[in-house]
Amino acid sequence: MTNEITKFDDIIDSRDVIARLDELADRDDLSEDEQNEIVLLESLKRQGEDYAPDWERGAQLVRDSYFKNYAQVFGEVCGIIDENAKWPHTCIDWDKAAYELRMDYTAIEFGDVTYWIR
């Protein structure tokens, strides 16, 4: 059984959306909440497919309120920022860095929450 995907998740993997939709499609006894979940996930999937060429292979959707943290982690994972480094890395304007990184992403809506995808 796959995990429910909610608008409270900081990061959503498109493969999880696909798996959850497949799981729900295989069931006949869907609750009203699950039927509503399908509507939201189908909308998310359509938007994601429009803007992320890697949707089927795995694209990350990043919650707007988490994007600054995502930019910091992204910088560390890519080796751009050494997480153990001191100055000048401790002086980075992460709001500005996140803003500039977000330029490569497209906003899509999941319910009433904005997520960023590329």
PDB file of N, CA and C in Angstrom:
ATOM      1  N   MET A   1       0.841  -1.184   0.000  1.00  0.00           N
ATOM      2  CA  MET A   1       0.000   0.000   0.000  1.00  0.00           C
ATOM      3  C   MET A   1       0.884   1.245   0.000  1.00  0.00           C
ATOM      4  N   THR A   2       0.591   2.168  -0.878  1.00  0.00           N
ATOM      5  CA  THR A   2       1.360   3.413  -0.949  1.00  0.00           C
ATOM      6  C   THR A   2       0.857   4.400   0.091  1.00  0.00           C
ATOM      7  N   ASN A   3       1.703   5.370   0.389  1.00  0.00           N
ATOM      8  CA  ASN A   3       1.321   6.400   1.345  1.00  0.00           C
ATOM      9  C   ASN A   3       0.406   7.418   0.697  1.00  0.00           C
ATOM     10  N   GLU A   4      -0.489   7.953   1.484  1.00  0.00           N
ATOM     11  CA  GLU A   4      -1.334   9.040   1.012  1.00  0.00           C
ATOM     12  C   GLU A   4      -0.447  10.260   0.778  1.00  0.00           C
ATOM     13  N   ILE A   5      -0.739  10.974  -0.273  1.00  0.00           N
ATOM     14  CA  ILE A   5       0.011  12.176  -0.613  1.00  0.00           C
ATOM     15  C   ILE A   5      -0.866  13.366  -0.233  1.00  0.00           C
ATOM     16  N   THR A   6      -0.295  14.270   0.549  1.00  0.00           N
ATOM     17  CA  THR A   6      -1.090  15.409   0.999  1.00  0.00           C
ATOM     18  C   THR A   6      -0.404  16.728   0.660  1.00  0.00           C
ATOM     19  N   LYS A   7      -1.171  17.776   0.725  1.00  0.00           N
ATOM     20  CA  LYS A   7      -0.634  19.112   0.460  1.00  0.00           C
ATOM     21  C   LYS A   7       0.260  19.613   1.595  1.00  0.00           C
ATOM     22  N   PHE A   8       0.449  18.798   2.616  1.00  0.00           N
ATOM     23  CA  PHE A   8       1.318  19.160   3.728  1.00  0.00           C
ATOM     24  C   PHE A   8       2.724  18.586   3.572  1.00  0.00           C
ATOM     25  N   ASP A   9       2.937  17.762   2.533  1.00  0.00           N
ATOM     26  CA  ASP A   9       4.248  17.185   2.266  1.00  0.00           C
ATOM     27  C   ASP A   9       5.181  18.271   1.734  1.00  0.00           C
ATOM     28  N   ASP A  10       6.411  18.321   2.266  1.00  0.00           N
ATOM     29  CA  ASP A  10       7.384  19.306   1.786  1.00  0.00           C
ATOM     30  C   ASP A  10       7.859  18.969   0.376  1.00  0.00           C
ATOM     31  N   ILE A  11       8.097  17.690   0.127  1.00  0.00           N
ATOM     32  CA  ILE A  11       8.536  17.234  -1.188  1.00  0.00           C
ATOM     33  C   ILE A  11       7.675  16.048  -1.594  1.00  0.00           C
ATOM     34  N   ILE A  12       7.220  16.069  -2.835  1.00  0.00           N
ATOM     35  CA  ILE A  12       6.432  14.973  -3.385  1.00  0.00           C
ATOM     36  C   ILE A  12       7.171  14.465  -4.615  1.00  0.00           C
ATOM     37  N   ASP A  13       7.323  13.168  -4.706  1.00  0.00           N
ATOM     38  CA  ASP A  13       7.940  12.548  -5.876  1.00  0.00           C
ATOM     39  C   ASP A  13       6.823  12.140  -6.840  1.00  0.00           C
ATOM     40  N   SER A  14       6.978  12.481  -8.103  1.00  0.00           N
ATOM     41  CA  SER A  14       5.936  12.182  -9.089  1.00  0.00           C
ATOM     42  C   SER A  14       5.653  10.680  -9.176  1.00  0.00           C
ATOM     43  N   ARG A  15       6.662   9.847  -8.946  1.00  0.00           N
ATOM     44  CA  ARG A  15       6.445   8.397  -8.988  1.00  0.00           C
ATOM     45  C   ARG A  15       5.498   7.950  -7.884  1.00  0.00           C
ATOM     46  N   ASP A  16       5.499   8.662  -6.752  1.00  0.00           N
ATOM     47  CA  ASP A  16       4.552   8.348  -5.679  1.00  0.00           C
ATOM     48  C   ASP A  16       3.132   8.725  -6.081  1.00  0.00           C
ATOM     49  N   VAL A  17       2.994   9.822  -6.809  1.00  0.00           N
ATOM     50  CA  VAL A  17       1.672  10.236  -7.308  1.00  0.00           C
ATOM     51  C   VAL A  17       1.145   9.172  -8.268  1.00  0.00           C
ATOM     52  N   ILE A  18       1.993   8.733  -9.187  1.00  0.00           N
ATOM     53  CA  ILE A  18       1.610   7.717 -10.170  1.00  0.00           C
ATOM     54  C   ILE A  18       1.211   6.417  -9.459  1.00  0.00           C
ATOM     55  N   ALA A  19       2.022   5.995  -8.494  1.00  0.00           N
ATOM     56  CA  ALA A  19       1.745   4.752  -7.762  1.00  0.00           C
ATOM     57  C   ALA A  19       0.438   4.841  -6.984  1.00  0.00           C
ATOM     58  N   ARG A  20       0.205   5.981  -6.349  1.00  0.00           N
ATOM     59  CA  ARG A  20      -1.032   6.143  -5.562  1.00  0.00           C
ATOM     60  C   ARG A  20      -2.248   6.129  -6.478  1.00  0.00           C
ATOM     61  N   LEU A  21      -2.165   6.790  -7.622  1.00  0.00           N
ATOM     62  CA  LEU A  21      -3.291   6.768  -8.567  1.00  0.00           C
ATOM     63  C   LEU A  21      -3.543   5.360  -9.076  1.00  0.00           C
ATOM     64  N   ASP A  22      -2.490   4.616  -9.367  1.00  0.00           N
ATOM     65  CA  ASP A  22      -2.645   3.226  -9.813  1.00  0.00           C
ATOM     66  C   ASP A  22      -3.307   2.377  -8.733  1.00  0.00           C
ATOM     67  N   GLU A  23      -2.873   2.580  -7.497  1.00  0.00           N
ATOM     68  CA  GLU A  23      -3.452   1.826  -6.387  1.00  0.00           C
ATOM     69  C   GLU A  23      -4.941   2.116  -6.239  1.00  0.00           C
ATOM     70  N   LEU A  24      -5.300   3.378  -6.298  1.00  0.00           N
ATOM     71  CA  LEU A  24      -6.709   3.749  -6.143  1.00  0.00           C
ATOM     72  C   LEU A  24      -7.542   3.275  -7.334  1.00  0.00           C
ATOM     73  N   ALA A  25      -6.953   3.252  -8.522  1.00  0.00           N
ATOM     74  CA  ALA A  25      -7.679   2.823  -9.726  1.00  0.00           C
ATOM     75  C   ALA A  25      -8.009   1.333  -9.678  1.00  0.00           C
ATOM     76  N   ASP A  26      -7.219   0.565  -8.934  1.00  0.00           N
ATOM     77  CA  ASP A  26      -7.430  -0.883  -8.843  1.00  0.00           C
ATOM     78  C   ASP A  26      -8.499  -1.267  -7.830  1.00  0.00           C
ATOM     79  N   ARG A  27      -9.037  -0.302  -7.127  1.00  0.00           N
ATOM     80  CA  ARG A  27     -10.020  -0.598  -6.076  1.00  0.00           C
ATOM     81  C   ARG A  27     -11.420  -0.207  -6.514  1.00  0.00           C
ATOM     82  N   ASP A  28     -12.382  -0.992  -6.058  1.00  0.00           N
ATOM     83  CA  ASP A  28     -13.789  -0.714  -6.372  1.00  0.00           C
ATOM     84  C   ASP A  28     -14.527  -0.035  -5.222  1.00  0.00           C
ATOM     85  N   ASP A  29     -14.003  -0.161  -4.025  1.00  0.00           N
ATOM     86  CA  ASP A  29     -14.692   0.301  -2.815  1.00  0.00           C
ATOM     87  C   ASP A  29     -14.117   1.611  -2.285  1.00  0.00           C
ATOM     88  N   LEU A  30     -14.018   2.613  -3.135  1.00  0.00           N
ATOM     89  CA  LEU A  30     -13.406   3.876  -2.729  1.00  0.00           C
ATOM     90  C   LEU A  30     -14.343   4.697  -1.851  1.00  0.00           C
ATOM     91  N   SER A  31     -13.771   5.252  -0.808  1.00  0.00           N
ATOM     92  CA  SER A  31     -14.533   6.170   0.048  1.00  0.00           C
ATOM     93  C   SER A  31     -14.664   7.519  -0.658  1.00  0.00           C
ATOM     94  N   GLU A  32     -15.470   8.375  -0.126  1.00  0.00           N
ATOM     95  CA  GLU A  32     -15.622   9.717  -0.691  1.00  0.00           C
ATOM     96  C   GLU A  32     -14.308  10.482  -0.609  1.00  0.00           C
ATOM     97  N   ASP A  33     -13.577  10.316   0.492  1.00  0.00           N
ATOM     98  CA  ASP A  33     -12.273  10.969   0.627  1.00  0.00           C
ATOM     99  C   ASP A  33     -11.301  10.479  -0.439  1.00  0.00           C
ATOM    100  N   GLU A  34     -11.304   9.187  -0.713  1.00  0.00           N
ATOM    101  CA  GLU A  34     -10.415   8.639  -1.731  1.00  0.00           C
ATOM    102  C   GLU A  34     -10.808   9.103  -3.132  1.00  0.00           C
ATOM    103  N   GLN A  35     -12.097   9.248  -3.374  1.00  0.00           N
ATOM    104  CA  GLN A  35     -12.546   9.785  -4.664  1.00  0.00           C
ATOM    105  C   GLN A  35     -12.092  11.236  -4.833  1.00  0.00           C
ATOM    106  N   ASN A  36     -12.167  12.006  -3.754  1.00  0.00           N
ATOM    107  CA  ASN A  36     -11.668  13.386  -3.792  1.00  0.00           C
ATOM    108  C   ASN A  36     -10.152  13.410  -3.983  1.00  0.00           C
ATOM    109  N   GLU A  37      -9.466  12.461  -3.361  1.00  0.00           N
ATOM    110  CA  GLU A  37      -8.017  12.359  -3.510  1.00  0.00           C
ATOM    111  C   GLU A  37      -7.647  12.110  -4.973  1.00  0.00           C
ATOM    112  N   ILE A  38      -8.406  11.253  -5.645  1.00  0.00           N
ATOM    113  CA  ILE A  38      -8.148  10.980  -7.064  1.00  0.00           C
ATOM    114  C   ILE A  38      -8.270  12.254  -7.892  1.00  0.00           C
ATOM    115  N   VAL A  39      -9.297  13.036  -7.634  1.00  0.00           N
ATOM    116  CA  VAL A  39      -9.494  14.287  -8.381  1.00  0.00           C
ATOM    117  C   VAL A  39      -8.291  15.209  -8.199  1.00  0.00           C
ATOM    118  N   LEU A  40      -7.836  15.376  -6.951  1.00  0.00           N
ATOM    119  CA  LEU A  40      -6.694  16.247  -6.677  1.00  0.00           C
ATOM    120  C   LEU A  40      -5.411  15.708  -7.306  1.00  0.00           C
ATOM    121  N   LEU A  41      -5.183  14.406  -7.186  1.00  0.00           N
ATOM    122  CA  LEU A  41      -3.961  13.814  -7.734  1.00  0.00           C
ATOM    123  C   LEU A  41      -3.952  13.828  -9.253  1.00  0.00           C
ATOM    124  N   GLU A  42      -5.107  13.627  -9.873  1.00  0.00           N
ATOM    125  CA  GLU A  42      -5.187  13.692 -11.341  1.00  0.00           C
ATOM    126  C   GLU A  42      -4.862  15.104 -11.825  1.00  0.00           C
ATOM    127  N   SER A  43      -5.358  16.104 -11.123  1.00  0.00           N
ATOM    128  CA  SER A  43      -5.047  17.490 -11.479  1.00  0.00           C
ATOM    129  C   SER A  43      -3.550  17.752 -11.334  1.00  0.00           C
ATOM    130  N   LEU A  44      -2.982  17.276 -10.239  1.00  0.00           N
ATOM    131  CA  LEU A  44      -1.544  17.436 -10.002  1.00  0.00           C
ATOM    132  C   LEU A  44      -0.750  16.735 -11.105  1.00  0.00           C
ATOM    133  N   LYS A  45      -1.177  15.541 -11.466  1.00  0.00           N
ATOM    134  CA  LYS A  45      -0.498  14.771 -12.510  1.00  0.00           C
ATOM    135  C   LYS A  45      -0.539  15.503 -13.857  1.00  0.00           C
ATOM    136  N   ARG A  46      -1.696  16.021 -14.232  1.00  0.00           N
ATOM    137  CA  ARG A  46      -1.816  16.747 -15.506  1.00  0.00           C
ATOM    138  C   ARG A  46      -0.875  17.949 -15.541  1.00  0.00           C
ATOM    139  N   GLN A  47      -0.865  18.716 -14.468  1.00  0.00           N
ATOM    140  CA  GLN A  47       0.028  19.881 -14.411  1.00  0.00           C
ATOM    141  C   GLN A  47       1.487  19.450 -14.458  1.00  0.00           C
ATOM    142  N   GLY A  48       1.818  18.424 -13.683  1.00  0.00           N
ATOM    143  CA  GLY A  48       3.192  17.937 -13.632  1.00  0.00           C
ATOM    144  C   GLY A  48       3.672  17.441 -14.981  1.00  0.00           C
ATOM    145  N   GLU A  49       2.838  16.708 -15.675  1.00  0.00           N
ATOM    146  CA  GLU A  49       3.209  16.202 -17.001  1.00  0.00           C
ATOM    147  C   GLU A  49       3.429  17.345 -17.985  1.00  0.00           C
ATOM    148  N   ASP A  50       2.681  18.427 -17.814  1.00  0.00           N
ATOM    149  CA  ASP A  50       2.831  19.584 -18.703  1.00  0.00           C
ATOM    150  C   ASP A  50       4.167  20.302 -18.508  1.00  0.00           C
ATOM    151  N   TYR A  51       4.688  20.299 -17.292  1.00  0.00           N
ATOM    152  CA  TYR A  51       5.854  21.124 -16.984  1.00  0.00           C
ATOM    153  C   TYR A  51       7.126  20.357 -16.630  1.00  0.00           C
ATOM    154  N   ALA A  52       7.033  19.060 -16.417  1.00  0.00           N
ATOM    155  CA  ALA A  52       8.213  18.289 -16.021  1.00  0.00           C
ATOM    156  C   ALA A  52       8.430  17.136 -17.000  1.00  0.00           C
ATOM    157  N   PRO A  53       9.435  17.250 -17.846  1.00  0.00           N
ATOM    158  CA  PRO A  53       9.687  16.174 -18.803  1.00  0.00           C
ATOM    159  C   PRO A  53      10.042  14.842 -18.134  1.00  0.00           C
ATOM    160  N   ASP A  54      10.496  14.880 -16.888  1.00  0.00           N
ATOM    161  CA  ASP A  54      10.859  13.659 -16.170  1.00  0.00           C
ATOM    162  C   ASP A  54       9.724  13.123 -15.290  1.00  0.00           C
ATOM    163  N   TRP A  55       8.508  13.551 -15.519  1.00  0.00           N
ATOM    164  CA  TRP A  55       7.389  13.170 -14.665  1.00  0.00           C
ATOM    165  C   TRP A  55       7.318  11.657 -14.467  1.00  0.00           C
ATOM    166  N   GLU A  56       7.380  10.882 -15.532  1.00  0.00           N
ATOM    167  CA  GLU A  56       7.253   9.428 -15.429  1.00  0.00           C
ATOM    168  C   GLU A  56       8.449   8.783 -14.725  1.00  0.00           C
ATOM    169  N   ARG A  57       9.627   9.347 -14.888  1.00  0.00           N
ATOM    170  CA  ARG A  57      10.848   8.780 -14.297  1.00  0.00           C
ATOM    171  C   ARG A  57      11.116   9.307 -12.890  1.00  0.00           C
ATOM    172  N   GLY A  58      10.448  10.373 -12.527  1.00  0.00           N
ATOM    173  CA  GLY A  58      10.617  10.915 -11.187  1.00  0.00           C
ATOM    174  C   GLY A  58      10.991  12.379 -11.188  1.00  0.00           C
ATOM    175  N   ALA A  59      10.037  13.219 -10.874  1.00  0.00           N
ATOM    176  CA  ALA A  59      10.249  14.657 -10.726  1.00  0.00           C
ATOM    177  C   ALA A  59       9.865  15.035  -9.303  1.00  0.00           C
ATOM    178  N   GLN A  60      10.599  15.975  -8.742  1.00  0.00           N
ATOM    179  CA  GLN A  60      10.287  16.431  -7.389  1.00  0.00           C
ATOM    180  C   GLN A  60       9.423  17.673  -7.436  1.00  0.00           C
ATOM    181  N   LEU A  61       8.409  17.673  -6.588  1.00  0.00           N
ATOM    182  CA  LEU A  61       7.575  18.840  -6.372  1.00  0.00           C
ATOM    183  C   LEU A  61       7.927  19.372  -4.988  1.00  0.00           C
ATOM    184  N   VAL A  62       8.264  20.652  -4.914  1.00  0.00           N
ATOM    185  CA  VAL A  62       8.720  21.248  -3.662  1.00  0.00           C
ATOM    186  C   VAL A  62       7.681  22.264  -3.192  1.00  0.00           C
ATOM    187  N   ARG A  63       7.208  22.078  -1.976  1.00  0.00           N
ATOM    188  CA  ARG A  63       6.202  22.985  -1.390  1.00  0.00           C
ATOM    189  C   ARG A  63       6.789  24.383  -1.266  1.00  0.00           C
ATOM    190  N   ASP A  64       6.008  25.379  -1.627  1.00  0.00           N
ATOM    191  CA  ASP A  64       6.478  26.764  -1.618  1.00  0.00           C
ATOM    192  C   ASP A  64       7.071  27.159  -0.277  1.00  0.00           C
ATOM    193  N   SER A  65       6.419  26.794   0.799  1.00  0.00           N
ATOM    194  CA  SER A  65       6.895  27.184   2.134  1.00  0.00           C
ATOM    195  C   SER A  65       8.183  26.468   2.533  1.00  0.00           C
ATOM    196  N   TYR A  66       8.583  25.450   1.799  1.00  0.00           N
ATOM    197  CA  TYR A  66       9.796  24.686   2.097  1.00  0.00           C
ATOM    198  C   TYR A  66      10.937  25.038   1.144  1.00  0.00           C
ATOM    199  N   PHE A  67      10.686  25.853   0.140  1.00  0.00           N
ATOM    200  CA  PHE A  67      11.648  26.048  -0.935  1.00  0.00           C
ATOM    201  C   PHE A  67      12.989  26.607  -0.455  1.00  0.00           C
ATOM    202  N   LYS A  68      12.990  27.480   0.519  1.00  0.00           N
ATOM    203  CA  LYS A  68      14.250  28.025   1.037  1.00  0.00           C
ATOM    204  C   LYS A  68      15.110  26.902   1.616  1.00  0.00           C
ATOM    205  N   ASN A  69      14.507  26.025   2.420  1.00  0.00           N
ATOM    206  CA  ASN A  69      15.244  24.880   2.979  1.00  0.00           C
ATOM    207  C   ASN A  69      15.732  23.965   1.859  1.00  0.00           C
ATOM    208  N   TYR A  70      14.880  23.769   0.863  1.00  0.00           N
ATOM    209  CA  TYR A  70      15.235  22.940  -0.284  1.00  0.00           C
ATOM    210  C   TYR A  70      16.464  23.502  -0.990  1.00  0.00           C
ATOM    211  N   ALA A  71      16.520  24.815  -1.165  1.00  0.00           N
ATOM    212  CA  ALA A  71      17.664  25.449  -1.834  1.00  0.00           C
ATOM    213  C   ALA A  71      18.951  25.186  -1.049  1.00  0.00           C
ATOM    214  N   GLN A  72      18.882  25.265   0.262  1.00  0.00           N
ATOM    215  CA  GLN A  72      20.064  25.004   1.087  1.00  0.00           C
ATOM    216  C   GLN A  72      20.537  23.561   0.932  1.00  0.00           C
ATOM    217  N   VAL A  73      19.616  22.621   1.027  1.00  0.00           N
ATOM    218  CA  VAL A  73      19.957  21.207   0.892  1.00  0.00           C
ATOM    219  C   VAL A  73      20.477  20.925  -0.517  1.00  0.00           C
ATOM    220  N   PHE A  74      19.838  21.506  -1.510  1.00  0.00           N
ATOM    221  CA  PHE A  74      20.240  21.341  -2.904  1.00  0.00           C
ATOM    222  C   PHE A  74      21.684  21.808  -3.100  1.00  0.00           C
ATOM    223  N   GLY A  75      22.020  22.943  -2.525  1.00  0.00           N
ATOM    224  CA  GLY A  75      23.385  23.460  -2.615  1.00  0.00           C
ATOM    225  C   GLY A  75      24.395  22.532  -1.982  1.00  0.00           C
ATOM    226  N   GLU A  76      24.034  21.911  -0.860  1.00  0.00           N
ATOM    227  CA  GLU A  76      24.934  20.972  -0.184  1.00  0.00           C
ATOM    228  C   GLU A  76      25.072  19.667  -0.970  1.00  0.00           C
ATOM    229  N   VAL A  77      23.952  19.121  -1.424  1.00  0.00           N
ATOM    230  CA  VAL A  77      23.961  17.852  -2.154  1.00  0.00           C
ATOM    231  C   VAL A  77      24.739  17.975  -3.454  1.00  0.00           C
ATOM    232  N   CYS A  78      24.615  19.100  -4.121  1.00  0.00           N
ATOM    233  CA  CYS A  78      25.321  19.312  -5.389  1.00  0.00           C
ATOM    234  C   CYS A  78      26.798  19.648  -5.175  1.00  0.00           C
ATOM    235  N   GLY A  79      27.221  19.823  -3.933  1.00  0.00           N
ATOM    236  CA  GLY A  79      28.610  20.145  -3.646  1.00  0.00           C
ATOM    237  C   GLY A  79      28.946  21.611  -3.837  1.00  0.00           C
ATOM    238  N   ILE A  80      27.951  22.438  -4.038  1.00  0.00           N
ATOM    239  CA  ILE A  80      28.168  23.872  -4.211  1.00  0.00           C
ATOM    240  C   ILE A  80      28.486  24.514  -2.860  1.00  0.00           C
ATOM    241  N   ILE A  81      27.836  24.019  -1.833  1.00  0.00           N
ATOM    242  CA  ILE A  81      28.010  24.540  -0.481  1.00  0.00           C
ATOM    243  C   ILE A  81      28.503  23.403   0.408  1.00  0.00           C
ATOM    244  N   ASP A  82      29.548  23.655   1.153  1.00  0.00           N
ATOM    245  CA  ASP A  82      30.038  22.686   2.116  1.00  0.00           C
ATOM    246  C   ASP A  82      29.294  22.923   3.422  1.00  0.00           C
ATOM    247  N   GLU A  83      28.507  21.931   3.837  1.00  0.00           N
ATOM    248  CA  GLU A  83      27.688  22.123   5.033  1.00  0.00           C
ATOM    249  C   GLU A  83      28.517  22.355   6.292  1.00  0.00           C
ATOM    250  N   ASN A  84      29.806  22.002   6.265  1.00  0.00           N
ATOM    251  CA  ASN A  84      30.677  22.205   7.426  1.00  0.00           C
ATOM    252  C   ASN A  84      31.475  23.508   7.342  1.00  0.00           C
ATOM    253  N   ALA A  85      31.356  24.197   6.231  1.00  0.00           N
ATOM    254  CA  ALA A  85      32.134  25.424   6.031  1.00  0.00           C
ATOM    255  C   ALA A  85      31.585  26.562   6.882  1.00  0.00           C
ATOM    256  N   LYS A  86      32.480  27.420   7.228  1.00  0.00           N
ATOM    257  CA  LYS A  86      32.096  28.637   7.955  1.00  0.00           C
ATOM    258  C   LYS A  86      31.992  29.779   6.950  1.00  0.00           C
ATOM    259  N   TRP A  87      32.457  30.942   7.334  1.00  0.00           N
ATOM    260  CA  TRP A  87      32.426  32.104   6.473  1.00  0.00           C
ATOM    261  C   TRP A  87      33.091  31.783   5.143  1.00  0.00           C
ATOM    262  N   PRO A  88      32.617  32.233   4.025  1.00  0.00           N
ATOM    263  CA  PRO A  88      31.480  33.122   3.791  1.00  0.00           C
ATOM    264  C   PRO A  88      30.160  32.392   3.607  1.00  0.00           C
ATOM    265  N   HIS A  89      30.193  31.049   3.690  1.00  0.00           N
ATOM    266  CA  HIS A  89      28.967  30.286   3.443  1.00  0.00           C
ATOM    267  C   HIS A  89      27.878  30.586   4.468  1.00  0.00           C
ATOM    268  N   THR A  90      28.262  30.972   5.651  1.00  0.00           N
ATOM    269  CA  THR A  90      27.265  31.296   6.669  1.00  0.00           C
ATOM    270  C   THR A  90      26.620  32.658   6.417  1.00  0.00           C
ATOM    271  N   CYS A  91      27.118  33.385   5.426  1.00  0.00           N
ATOM    272  CA  CYS A  91      26.598  34.716   5.115  1.00  0.00           C
ATOM    273  C   CYS A  91      25.705  34.729   3.875  1.00  0.00           C
ATOM    274  N   ILE A  92      25.385  33.580   3.360  1.00  0.00           N
ATOM    275  CA  ILE A  92      24.579  33.512   2.147  1.00  0.00           C
ATOM    276  C   ILE A  92      23.161  33.985   2.442  1.00  0.00           C
ATOM    277  N   ASP A  93      22.633  34.780   1.564  1.00  0.00           N
ATOM    278  CA  ASP A  93      21.240  35.226   1.646  1.00  0.00           C
ATOM    279  C   ASP A  93      20.381  34.116   1.034  1.00  0.00           C
ATOM    280  N   TRP A  94      19.890  33.210   1.881  1.00  0.00           N
ATOM    281  CA  TRP A  94      19.165  32.047   1.386  1.00  0.00           C
ATOM    282  C   TRP A  94      17.820  32.410   0.786  1.00  0.00           C
ATOM    283  N   ASP A  95      17.220  33.515   1.217  1.00  0.00           N
ATOM    284  CA  ASP A  95      15.979  33.958   0.581  1.00  0.00           C
ATOM    285  C   ASP A  95      16.242  34.320  -0.877  1.00  0.00           C
ATOM    286  N   LYS A  96      17.321  35.050  -1.111  1.00  0.00           N
ATOM    287  CA  LYS A  96      17.666  35.438  -2.477  1.00  0.00           C
ATOM    288  C   LYS A  96      18.103  34.221  -3.294  1.00  0.00           C
ATOM    289  N   ALA A  97      18.882  33.334  -2.688  1.00  0.00           N
ATOM    290  CA  ALA A  97      19.321  32.128  -3.392  1.00  0.00           C
ATOM    291  C   ALA A  97      18.121  31.271  -3.799  1.00  0.00           C
ATOM    292  N   ALA A  98      17.163  31.124  -2.902  1.00  0.00           N
ATOM    293  CA  ALA A  98      15.960  30.345  -3.216  1.00  0.00           C
ATOM    294  C   ALA A  98      15.151  31.024  -4.313  1.00  0.00           C
ATOM    295  N   TYR A  99      15.048  32.341  -4.242  1.00  0.00           N
ATOM    296  CA  TYR A  99      14.325  33.097  -5.275  1.00  0.00           C
ATOM    297  C   TYR A  99      14.946  32.859  -6.651  1.00  0.00           C
ATOM    298  N   GLU A 100      16.265  32.929  -6.714  1.00  0.00           N
ATOM    299  CA  GLU A 100      16.941  32.752  -8.003  1.00  0.00           C
ATOM    300  C   GLU A 100      16.856  31.305  -8.481  1.00  0.00           C
ATOM    301  N   LEU A 101      16.952  30.328  -7.596  1.00  0.00           N
ATOM    302  CA  LEU A 101      16.798  28.934  -7.981  1.00  0.00           C
ATOM    303  C   LEU A 101      15.383  28.670  -8.500  1.00  0.00           C
ATOM    304  N   ARG A 102      14.414  29.289  -7.872  1.00  0.00           N
ATOM    305  CA  ARG A 102      13.010  29.103  -8.251  1.00  0.00           C
ATOM    306  C   ARG A 102      12.739  29.566  -9.681  1.00  0.00           C
ATOM    307  N   MET A 103      13.609  30.396 -10.246  1.00  0.00           N
ATOM    308  CA  MET A 103      13.434  30.870 -11.620  1.00  0.00           C
ATOM    309  C   MET A 103      13.450  29.705 -12.619  1.00  0.00           C
ATOM    310  N   ASP A 104      14.094  28.596 -12.243  1.00  0.00           N
ATOM    311  CA  ASP A 104      14.162  27.416 -13.114  1.00  0.00           C
ATOM    312  C   ASP A 104      12.967  26.486 -12.926  1.00  0.00           C
ATOM    313  N   TYR A 105      12.051  26.842 -12.058  1.00  0.00           N
ATOM    314  CA  TYR A 105      10.921  25.988 -11.715  1.00  0.00           C
ATOM    315  C   TYR A 105       9.610  26.632 -12.157  1.00  0.00           C
ATOM    316  N   THR A 106       8.576  25.816 -12.231  1.00  0.00           N
ATOM    317  CA  THR A 106       7.235  26.286 -12.570  1.00  0.00           C
ATOM    318  C   THR A 106       6.318  25.996 -11.392  1.00  0.00           C
ATOM    319  N   ALA A 107       5.466  26.943 -11.070  1.00  0.00           N
ATOM    320  CA  ALA A 107       4.503  26.768  -9.982  1.00  0.00           C
ATOM    321  C   ALA A 107       3.303  25.972 -10.481  1.00  0.00           C
ATOM    322  N   ILE A 108       2.925  24.961  -9.697  1.00  0.00           N
ATOM    323  CA  ILE A 108       1.682  24.241  -9.947  1.00  0.00           C
ATOM    324  C   ILE A 108       0.927  24.160  -8.631  1.00  0.00           C
ATOM    325  N   GLU A 109      -0.357  23.914  -8.730  1.00  0.00           N
ATOM    326  CA  GLU A 109      -1.206  23.916  -7.540  1.00  0.00           C
ATOM    327  C   GLU A 109      -1.640  22.500  -7.183  1.00  0.00           C
ATOM    328  N   PHE A 110      -1.577  22.199  -5.901  1.00  0.00           N
ATOM    329  CA  PHE A 110      -2.091  20.950  -5.362  1.00  0.00           C
ATOM    330  C   PHE A 110      -3.110  21.339  -4.312  1.00  0.00           C
ATOM    331  N   GLY A 111      -4.368  21.287  -4.692  1.00  0.00           N
ATOM    332  CA  GLY A 111      -5.406  21.843  -3.836  1.00  0.00           C
ATOM    333  C   GLY A 111      -5.205  23.346  -3.803  1.00  0.00           C
ATOM    334  N   ASP A 112      -5.002  23.887  -2.627  1.00  0.00           N
ATOM    335  CA  ASP A 112      -4.791  25.325  -2.495  1.00  0.00           C
ATOM    336  C   ASP A 112      -3.345  25.653  -2.113  1.00  0.00           C
ATOM    337  N   VAL A 113      -2.419  24.738  -2.402  1.00  0.00           N
ATOM    338  CA  VAL A 113      -1.019  24.918  -2.043  1.00  0.00           C
ATOM    339  C   VAL A 113      -0.158  24.942  -3.303  1.00  0.00           C
ATOM    340  N   THR A 114       0.800  25.868  -3.333  1.00  0.00           N
ATOM    341  CA  THR A 114       1.712  25.968  -4.471  1.00  0.00           C
ATOM    342  C   THR A 114       2.906  25.058  -4.261  1.00  0.00           C
ATOM    343  N   TYR A 115       3.220  24.304  -5.304  1.00  0.00           N
ATOM    344  CA  TYR A 115       4.415  23.482  -5.369  1.00  0.00           C
ATOM    345  C   TYR A 115       5.228  23.934  -6.580  1.00  0.00           C
ATOM    346  N   TRP A 116       6.531  23.711  -6.525  1.00  0.00           N
ATOM    347  CA  TRP A 116       7.443  24.090  -7.605  1.00  0.00           C
ATOM    348  C   TRP A 116       8.012  22.819  -8.232  1.00  0.00           C
ATOM    349  N   ILE A 117       8.070  22.814  -9.560  1.00  0.00           N
ATOM    350  CA  ILE A 117       8.532  21.643 -10.303  1.00  0.00           C
ATOM    351  C   ILE A 117       9.354  22.108 -11.490  1.00  0.00           C
ATOM    352  N   ARG A 118      10.294  21.268 -11.929  1.00  0.00           N
ATOM    353  CA  ARG A 118      11.024  21.586 -13.161  1.00  0.00           C
ATOM    354  C   ARG A 118      11.261  20.332 -13.972  1.00  0.00           C
TER     355      ARG A 118
END
